[in-house]
Protein backbone atom coordinates (compact mmCIF):
# COMPACT_ATOMS: atom_id res chain seq x y z
CA MET A 1 92.84 26.56 136.34
CA ASP A 2 95.54 27.53 138.89
CA ARG A 3 96.02 31.26 140.17
CA ARG A 4 99.11 32.08 137.96
CA THR A 5 97.30 31.11 134.75
CA LEU A 6 94.24 33.45 135.89
CA ILE A 7 96.46 36.35 136.21
CA ILE A 8 97.86 36.25 132.91
CA SER A 9 94.73 35.36 130.86
CA GLY A 10 93.36 38.41 132.68
CA ALA A 11 96.22 40.65 131.85
CA VAL A 12 95.87 39.75 128.11
CA THR A 13 92.15 40.33 127.79
CA PHE A 14 92.71 43.94 129.32
CA ALA A 15 95.48 44.83 126.90
CA ALA A 16 93.46 43.80 123.89
CA ALA A 17 90.39 45.78 125.19
CA GLY A 18 92.61 48.90 125.50
CA LEU A 19 93.93 48.45 121.80
CA ALA A 20 90.53 48.16 120.42
CA GLN A 21 89.40 51.55 122.21
CA ALA A 22 92.70 53.36 120.92
CA GLN A 23 92.21 52.32 117.26
CA PRO A 24 89.00 54.61 116.47
CA SER A 25 90.74 57.44 118.17
CA GLN A 26 93.54 57.29 115.98
CA GLU A 27 91.63 57.07 112.79
CA ALA A 28 89.55 60.05 113.81
CA ALA A 29 92.60 62.16 114.30
CA ALA A 30 93.81 61.79 110.76
CA PRO A 31 93.53 65.02 108.85
CA PRO A 32 91.16 65.50 106.01
CA THR A 33 92.60 65.43 102.44
CA GLU A 34 89.61 66.59 100.48
CA GLY A 35 90.36 69.65 98.37
CA LEU A 36 93.95 69.79 99.16
CA PRO A 37 96.56 69.67 96.41
CA PRO A 38 98.48 66.23 95.83
CA PRO A 39 101.64 65.63 98.09
CA ASN A 40 104.66 67.73 96.85
CA GLN A 41 102.51 69.88 94.65
CA THR A 42 102.69 73.77 95.47
CA PRO A 43 99.18 75.46 95.27
CA ASN A 44 98.64 77.94 92.49
CA TYR A 45 97.81 81.42 93.61
CA PRO A 46 96.99 84.06 91.03
CA ALA A 47 99.97 86.51 90.41
CA GLN A 48 99.40 90.23 91.04
CA SER A 49 98.91 91.57 87.53
CA LYS A 50 100.46 94.65 86.60
CA ALA A 51 98.89 97.72 84.73
CA GLU A 52 98.86 97.31 80.77
CA PRO A 53 100.85 100.05 79.30
CA TYR A 54 100.03 102.44 76.20
CA SER A 55 101.69 102.21 73.12
CA ARG A 56 103.24 105.11 71.19
CA GLU A 57 100.52 105.29 68.67
CA GLU A 58 98.04 105.43 71.55
CA ILE A 59 99.81 108.33 73.30
CA VAL A 60 100.57 110.35 70.00
CA ASN A 61 96.96 110.22 68.87
CA ASN A 62 95.49 111.12 72.40
CA VAL A 63 98.16 114.19 72.75
CA SER A 64 97.44 115.47 69.43
CA ASP A 65 93.57 115.38 69.88
CA PHE A 66 93.80 116.74 73.49
CA MET A 67 96.16 119.48 73.06
CA GLY A 68 95.04 120.55 69.64
CA VAL A 69 98.47 119.82 67.87
CA THR A 70 99.50 118.17 64.54
CA ALA A 71 100.53 114.44 64.98
CA GLU A 72 104.13 115.49 63.88
CA ALA A 73 104.41 118.04 66.83
CA ALA A 74 102.74 115.20 69.37
CA GLY A 75 105.34 112.49 68.05
CA GLY A 76 108.25 114.52 68.53
CA ALA A 77 107.59 115.35 72.15
CA VAL A 78 106.16 111.50 72.94
CA GLU A 79 109.25 110.27 71.18
CA LYS A 80 111.43 112.09 73.38
CA VAL A 81 109.81 110.96 76.46
CA PHE A 82 109.47 107.26 75.17
CA SER A 83 113.37 107.19 74.33
CA LYS A 84 113.96 107.79 77.66
CA ASN A 85 111.19 106.04 79.82
CA GLY A 86 109.30 103.53 77.34
CA ARG A 87 105.87 103.02 77.72
CA PRO A 88 103.67 104.55 80.36
CA THR A 89 100.94 102.88 82.60
CA ALA A 90 98.73 105.81 82.96
CA TYR A 91 98.18 109.44 81.76
CA ILE A 92 96.08 112.41 82.83
CA ALA A 93 94.60 115.02 80.87
CA GLY A 94 93.65 118.09 82.15
CA GLU A 95 94.12 121.93 82.37
CA GLU A 96 96.02 124.26 84.84
CA GLY A 97 96.55 127.99 85.61
CA SER A 98 99.76 129.53 87.22
CA GLY A 99 101.15 132.81 87.94
CA ALA A 100 104.10 134.21 89.74
CA ILE A 101 106.12 137.27 90.80
CA GLY A 102 109.40 135.66 91.81
CA ILE A 103 107.25 133.16 93.92
CA GLY A 104 104.50 131.62 92.00
CA ALA A 105 101.60 128.89 92.28
CA ARG A 106 100.30 126.39 90.00
CA TYR A 107 96.83 124.75 90.06
CA GLY A 108 95.32 122.02 87.79
CA ARG A 109 92.51 119.47 87.43
CA GLY A 110 92.04 116.49 85.11
CA LEU A 111 91.39 112.78 84.61
CA LEU A 112 93.66 109.91 85.31
CA TYR A 113 93.18 107.14 82.73
CA MET A 114 94.54 103.52 83.05
CA LYS A 115 93.50 100.49 80.94
CA GLY A 116 90.75 98.40 82.36
CA ARG A 117 89.81 100.98 84.87
CA GLU A 118 87.31 103.85 85.07
CA PRO A 119 88.88 107.50 84.85
CA ILE A 120 89.34 109.15 88.33
CA GLU A 121 89.25 112.87 88.96
CA VAL A 122 92.59 114.17 89.91
CA PHE A 123 93.65 117.88 91.30
CA TRP A 124 97.19 119.17 91.85
CA GLN A 125 98.71 122.26 93.25
CA GLY A 126 102.10 123.52 94.25
CA PRO A 127 104.39 126.45 94.58
CA SER A 128 107.30 127.51 92.55
CA ILE A 129 110.31 130.01 93.00
CA GLY A 130 112.58 131.51 90.53
CA TRP A 131 113.13 134.20 88.02
CA ASP A 132 109.53 134.09 87.00
CA PHE A 133 106.74 136.50 86.29
CA GLY A 134 103.35 136.48 85.07
CA GLY A 135 100.78 134.01 84.54
CA ASN A 136 99.50 131.64 81.96
CA ALA A 137 96.86 128.81 81.29
CA SER A 138 97.45 125.65 79.58
CA ARG A 139 96.37 122.16 78.70
CA VAL A 140 98.28 119.33 80.35
CA PHE A 141 98.82 115.69 79.24
CA THR A 142 101.10 113.92 81.87
CA LEU A 143 102.46 110.57 81.13
CA CYS A 144 102.78 108.30 84.16
CA TYR A 145 105.48 105.52 84.74
CA ASP A 146 105.58 102.63 87.00
CA LEU A 147 101.85 103.69 88.27
CA GLN A 148 100.48 100.19 88.92
CA GLU A 149 97.53 101.52 91.19
CA PRO A 150 95.46 104.84 90.92
CA GLU A 151 95.72 105.49 94.44
CA VAL A 152 99.56 105.92 94.22
CA ILE A 153 99.20 109.36 92.12
CA PHE A 154 98.03 111.01 95.51
CA GLN A 155 101.20 112.28 96.79
CA ARG A 156 103.88 114.90 96.42
CA PHE A 157 106.05 114.96 93.27
CA PRO A 158 109.22 117.18 93.23
CA GLY A 159 110.31 118.41 89.97
CA VAL A 160 113.71 116.91 88.51
CA GLU A 161 116.25 119.61 88.35
CA GLY A 162 117.46 120.33 84.69
CA SER A 163 114.85 117.99 82.97
CA ALA A 164 112.92 120.88 81.12
CA TYR A 165 112.83 121.12 77.46
CA PHE A 166 110.92 122.06 74.38
CA VAL A 167 109.95 119.75 71.54
CA GLY A 168 107.83 120.99 68.74
CA GLY A 169 106.38 123.58 70.47
CA LEU A 170 105.47 121.58 73.53
CA GLY A 171 107.20 121.84 76.85
CA VAL A 172 108.23 118.65 78.78
CA ASN A 173 109.67 118.09 82.24
CA TYR A 174 109.93 115.35 84.74
CA GLN A 175 108.53 114.79 88.27
CA LYS A 176 109.60 111.83 90.45
CA ALA A 177 108.58 110.38 93.88
CA ASN A 178 108.72 106.76 95.43
CA GLY A 179 109.70 104.95 92.00
CA VAL A 180 106.87 106.72 89.88
CA THR A 181 107.87 109.42 87.42
CA LEU A 182 105.61 111.68 85.86
CA ALA A 183 106.07 113.85 82.40
CA PRO A 184 103.78 116.61 82.11
CA ILE A 185 103.57 117.81 78.42
CA ARG A 186 102.32 121.31 78.29
CA ALA A 187 101.33 123.67 75.74
CA GLY A 188 101.48 127.34 75.87
CA VAL A 189 103.90 127.31 79.07
CA GLY A 190 106.24 130.05 77.91
CA LEU A 191 109.27 130.66 79.77
CA ARG A 192 107.74 129.50 82.95
CA LEU A 193 108.78 125.87 82.47
CA GLY A 194 112.50 126.50 82.51
CA ALA A 195 112.69 129.30 85.00
CA ASN A 196 111.15 127.89 88.27
CA VAL A 197 111.54 124.97 90.64
CA GLY A 198 109.17 123.54 92.64
CA TYR A 199 106.69 120.55 93.46
CA LEU A 200 103.06 119.54 92.66
CA ALA A 201 100.82 117.73 95.21
CA TYR A 202 98.32 115.60 93.44
CA SER A 203 95.13 114.98 95.67
CA ARG A 204 91.62 113.83 95.65
CA LYS A 205 90.10 117.39 96.35
CA ARG A 206 90.72 120.73 95.32
CA SER A 207 93.08 122.64 98.06
CA ILE A 208 93.25 126.25 97.97
CA LEU A 209 96.64 126.32 99.27
CA PRO A 210 99.48 125.35 97.04
CA PHE A 211 101.59 123.88 99.86
């Protein structure tokens, strides 16, 4: 075998050996496919569930029982709120006291109810100002709209100007903040509902200061 043939034979042998060593490395680098969805298929992730709303009948019965009024009176107030806002996702049943001599304050405590969740305790307090004298105590049944998580209730809700009215002896007004609307229905509120403006701050703990 001459020198030229020997050089060509050695080069071919070296190249074959290099290819054999590279082949296992390429196979090891292949990504695992176990547990992955088939190609061109999007994984299915669970969608965030929304709070289940209450029906008109559920709210009317609860308002009637809690407020101690007839179903007709409760139905009149609830129908007014439902016609404007639809079905609520939560409600607060509680009691409050308020008083004023021009400048006033309101304090309350209740339980927040949502379907499929444990009730949680809620406190609220806030100042008011207006042609407003005297004091009163009342039961409050607050319908909550677009409230998807209980923790969202803990913020300050200003009153909506010009929203106060009476239906069947029950007073209703609206509060709104950050896309959440509250519609407190009160019994025994007297003149105070339409004679003052202010806000209510909902909190986890009772606060002495109304601000």
